[in-house]
Amino acid sequence: MSAWAAPPGILIRPLAVSDSIAELMALLHRTYTKLGALGLRFTAVDQSEAKTRERIANGRSGGSDDRQ
């Protein structure tokens, strides 16, 4: 497995307590809206703040989709 590096100027870090879940979800919803319109099912298209908090608490804040 090869390591992935963020592009220059981009910092990948763990979520901090001071980070706003509302702002994170707004960013994700804006970013994934076009993919959702194409019928692609990404959790970030419409996941709620409550579900995001739950997934973070359970260590599932990475890219996965458990909807079935």
Protein backbone atom coordinates (compact mmCIF):
# COMPACT_ATOMS: atom_id res chain seq x y z
CA MET A 1 0.00 0.00 0.00
CA SER A 2 1.43 3.39 -0.92
CA ALA A 3 1.29 6.40 1.34
CA TRP A 4 -0.88 9.35 0.31
CA ALA A 5 0.43 12.85 0.80
CA ALA A 6 -1.69 15.99 0.88
CA PRO A 7 -0.98 18.60 -1.79
CA PRO A 8 1.31 21.48 -0.77
CA GLY A 9 -0.51 23.96 1.45
CA ILE A 10 -3.12 21.43 2.61
CA LEU A 11 -2.99 20.14 6.18
CA ILE A 12 -4.64 16.83 7.02
CA ARG A 13 -5.20 16.59 10.77
CA PRO A 14 -7.51 14.93 13.27
CA LEU A 15 -10.74 16.70 14.09
CA ALA A 16 -10.31 19.10 17.02
CA VAL A 17 -12.88 19.72 19.74
CA SER A 18 -13.01 23.35 18.61
CA ASP A 19 -13.90 22.41 15.00
CA SER A 20 -17.46 23.22 13.96
CA ILE A 21 -19.43 20.19 12.81
CA ALA A 22 -21.94 22.57 11.17
CA GLU A 23 -19.17 24.20 9.11
CA LEU A 24 -17.69 20.81 8.25
CA MET A 25 -21.06 19.53 7.04
CA ALA A 26 -21.72 22.70 5.03
CA LEU A 27 -18.35 22.23 3.31
CA LEU A 28 -19.01 18.54 2.60
CA HIS A 29 -22.54 19.16 1.35
CA ARG A 30 -21.30 21.89 -1.03
CA THR A 31 -18.47 19.69 -2.22
CA TYR A 32 -20.55 16.57 -2.84
CA THR A 33 -23.76 18.15 -4.19
CA LYS A 34 -22.78 17.69 -7.85
CA LEU A 35 -21.91 14.03 -7.25
CA GLY A 36 -25.26 13.48 -5.53
CA ALA A 37 -27.05 15.08 -8.50
CA LEU A 38 -25.34 12.50 -10.71
CA GLY A 39 -26.82 9.73 -8.59
CA LEU A 40 -23.57 8.85 -6.84
CA ARG A 41 -24.20 7.81 -3.26
CA PHE A 42 -21.68 9.38 -0.94
CA THR A 43 -22.53 9.79 2.73
CA ALA A 44 -21.38 13.42 2.59
CA VAL A 45 -24.16 14.30 0.14
CA ASP A 46 -26.84 14.40 2.81
CA GLN A 47 -25.51 13.13 6.13
CA SER A 48 -26.87 14.99 9.17
CA GLU A 49 -24.78 16.69 11.83
CA ALA A 50 -26.08 14.17 14.38
CA LYS A 51 -24.95 11.22 12.24
CA THR A 52 -21.59 12.89 11.66
CA ARG A 53 -21.08 13.34 15.41
CA GLU A 54 -22.02 9.70 15.95
CA ARG A 55 -19.59 8.49 13.31
CA ILE A 56 -16.78 10.65 14.70
CA ALA A 57 -17.45 9.33 18.22
CA ASN A 58 -17.24 5.78 16.87
CA GLY A 59 -14.04 6.46 14.96
CA ARG A 60 -15.76 6.40 11.56
CA SER A 61 -15.01 9.86 10.27
CA GLY A 62 -13.19 8.64 7.18
CA GLY A 63 -14.61 8.01 3.77
CA SER A 64 -17.12 5.22 4.02
CA ASP A 65 -20.78 4.69 3.33
CA ASP A 66 -22.79 2.42 5.58
CA ARG A 67 -26.19 3.19 4.00
CA GLN A 68 -27.85 0.18 2.41
